[in-house]
Amino acid sequence: MKQLVESMAKALVDKPEDVAVSEVVGEKTTVFELRVAQTDLGKVIGKQGKTARAMRTILSASGTKIGKRCVLEILE
């Protein structure tokens, strides 16, 4: 799952070397914290948050498949 978030983010940004994903595991929920370069933040979020929403949907769907709730947080 972490690899999925990382590969989606790296495909979107200009500086893929600055992409960092950390994983906070709970009992039923896993939170993925995505950090990108400040200049790439807009590309990851997208217009009106559509790109971020799409990434969250993909993550949620793949999390459902393994029986875990997954949440994506985009940090500055």
C-alpha atoms as a PDB file:
ATOM      1  CA  MET A   1       0.000   0.000   0.000  1.00  0.00           C
ATOM      2  CA  LYS A   2       2.832   2.373   0.858  1.00  0.00           C
ATOM      3  CA  GLN A   3       4.439   1.564  -2.494  1.00  0.00           C
ATOM      4  CA  LEU A   4       1.131   2.322  -4.251  1.00  0.00           C
ATOM      5  CA  VAL A   5       0.884   5.808  -2.728  1.00  0.00           C
ATOM      6  CA  GLU A   6       4.536   6.505  -3.452  1.00  0.00           C
ATOM      7  CA  SER A   7       4.322   5.459  -7.113  1.00  0.00           C
ATOM      8  CA  MET A   8       1.146   7.518  -7.699  1.00  0.00           C
ATOM      9  CA  ALA A   9       2.766  10.611  -6.166  1.00  0.00           C
ATOM     10  CA  LYS A  10       6.050  10.190  -8.043  1.00  0.00           C
ATOM     11  CA  ALA A  11       4.157  10.005 -11.343  1.00  0.00           C
ATOM     12  CA  LEU A  12       2.535  13.386 -10.655  1.00  0.00           C
ATOM     13  CA  VAL A  13       5.384  15.571  -9.384  1.00  0.00           C
ATOM     14  CA  ASP A  14       8.389  17.318 -10.950  1.00  0.00           C
ATOM     15  CA  LYS A  15      10.748  16.325  -8.114  1.00  0.00           C
ATOM     16  CA  PRO A  16      10.121  12.602  -7.453  1.00  0.00           C
ATOM     17  CA  GLU A  17      13.174  12.416  -5.184  1.00  0.00           C
ATOM     18  CA  ASP A  18      11.361  14.638  -2.645  1.00  0.00           C
ATOM     19  CA  VAL A  19       8.378  12.281  -2.293  1.00  0.00           C
ATOM     20  CA  ALA A  20       8.207  10.647   1.141  1.00  0.00           C
ATOM     21  CA  VAL A  21       5.481   8.379   2.468  1.00  0.00           C
ATOM     22  CA  SER A  22       5.236   7.335   6.105  1.00  0.00           C
ATOM     23  CA  GLU A  23       2.810   4.779   7.461  1.00  0.00           C
ATOM     24  CA  VAL A  24       1.060   4.959  10.837  1.00  0.00           C
ATOM     25  CA  VAL A  25      -0.558   1.604  11.593  1.00  0.00           C
ATOM     26  CA  GLY A  26      -3.491   1.269  13.961  1.00  0.00           C
ATOM     27  CA  GLU A  27      -5.753  -1.671  14.787  1.00  0.00           C
ATOM     28  CA  LYS A  28      -8.232  -1.183  11.971  1.00  0.00           C
ATOM     29  CA  THR A  29      -6.987   1.978  10.276  1.00  0.00           C
ATOM     30  CA  THR A  30      -3.721   2.754   8.541  1.00  0.00           C
ATOM     31  CA  VAL A  31      -2.813   6.394   7.898  1.00  0.00           C
ATOM     32  CA  PHE A  32      -0.432   7.194   5.050  1.00  0.00           C
ATOM     33  CA  GLU A  33       1.269  10.581   5.333  1.00  0.00           C
ATOM     34  CA  LEU A  34       2.478  11.944   2.001  1.00  0.00           C
ATOM     35  CA  ARG A  35       5.102  14.679   1.830  1.00  0.00           C
ATOM     36  CA  VAL A  36       6.155  16.333  -1.432  1.00  0.00           C
ATOM     37  CA  ALA A  37       8.176  19.411  -2.356  1.00  0.00           C
ATOM     38  CA  GLN A  38       6.373  22.695  -1.713  1.00  0.00           C
ATOM     39  CA  THR A  39       6.328  23.474  -5.443  1.00  0.00           C
ATOM     40  CA  ASP A  40       4.652  20.125  -6.217  1.00  0.00           C
ATOM     41  CA  LEU A  41       1.910  20.390  -3.604  1.00  0.00           C
ATOM     42  CA  GLY A  42      -0.584  21.832  -6.083  1.00  0.00           C
ATOM     43  CA  LYS A  43       0.005  19.014  -8.540  1.00  0.00           C
ATOM     44  CA  VAL A  44      -0.717  16.369  -5.930  1.00  0.00           C
ATOM     45  CA  ILE A  45      -3.863  18.119  -4.699  1.00  0.00           C
ATOM     46  CA  GLY A  46      -5.162  19.076  -8.158  1.00  0.00           C
ATOM     47  CA  LYS A  47      -7.912  21.486  -9.113  1.00  0.00           C
ATOM     48  CA  GLN A  48     -10.524  21.601  -6.359  1.00  0.00           C
ATOM     49  CA  GLY A  49      -8.817  18.591  -4.770  1.00  0.00           C
ATOM     50  CA  LYS A  50      -9.798  16.173  -7.525  1.00  0.00           C
ATOM     51  CA  THR A  51      -6.393  14.496  -7.809  1.00  0.00           C
ATOM     52  CA  ALA A  52      -6.124  14.032  -4.037  1.00  0.00           C
ATOM     53  CA  ARG A  53      -9.677  12.665  -3.927  1.00  0.00           C
ATOM     54  CA  ALA A  54      -8.865  10.194  -6.703  1.00  0.00           C
ATOM     55  CA  MET A  55      -5.746   9.002  -4.862  1.00  0.00           C
ATOM     56  CA  ARG A  56      -7.783   8.554  -1.678  1.00  0.00           C
ATOM     57  CA  THR A  57     -10.422   6.568  -3.577  1.00  0.00           C
ATOM     58  CA  ILE A  58      -7.838   4.206  -5.039  1.00  0.00           C
ATOM     59  CA  LEU A  59      -6.210   3.750  -1.638  1.00  0.00           C
ATOM     60  CA  SER A  60      -9.549   3.136   0.041  1.00  0.00           C
ATOM     61  CA  ALA A  61     -10.578   0.571  -2.577  1.00  0.00           C
ATOM     62  CA  SER A  62      -7.347  -1.367  -2.283  1.00  0.00           C
ATOM     63  CA  GLY A  63      -7.584  -1.192   1.519  1.00  0.00           C
ATOM     64  CA  THR A  64     -11.076  -2.655   1.409  1.00  0.00           C
ATOM     65  CA  LYS A  65      -9.699  -5.595  -0.511  1.00  0.00           C
ATOM     66  CA  ILE A  66      -7.357  -6.499   2.365  1.00  0.00           C
ATOM     67  CA  GLY A  67      -9.955  -5.659   5.025  1.00  0.00           C
ATOM     68  CA  LYS A  68      -8.326  -2.529   6.410  1.00  0.00           C
ATOM     69  CA  ARG A  69      -9.352   1.126   6.380  1.00  0.00           C
ATOM     70  CA  CYS A  70      -6.720   3.319   4.736  1.00  0.00           C
ATOM     71  CA  VAL A  71      -6.508   7.089   4.969  1.00  0.00           C
ATOM     72  CA  LEU A  72      -4.266   9.435   2.988  1.00  0.00           C
ATOM     73  CA  GLU A  73      -3.045  12.692   4.507  1.00  0.00           C
ATOM     74  CA  ILE A  74      -1.103  15.159   2.376  1.00  0.00           C
ATOM     75  CA  LEU A  75       1.300  17.142   4.558  1.00  0.00           C
ATOM     76  CA  GLU A  76       3.119  20.378   3.754  1.00  0.00           C
END
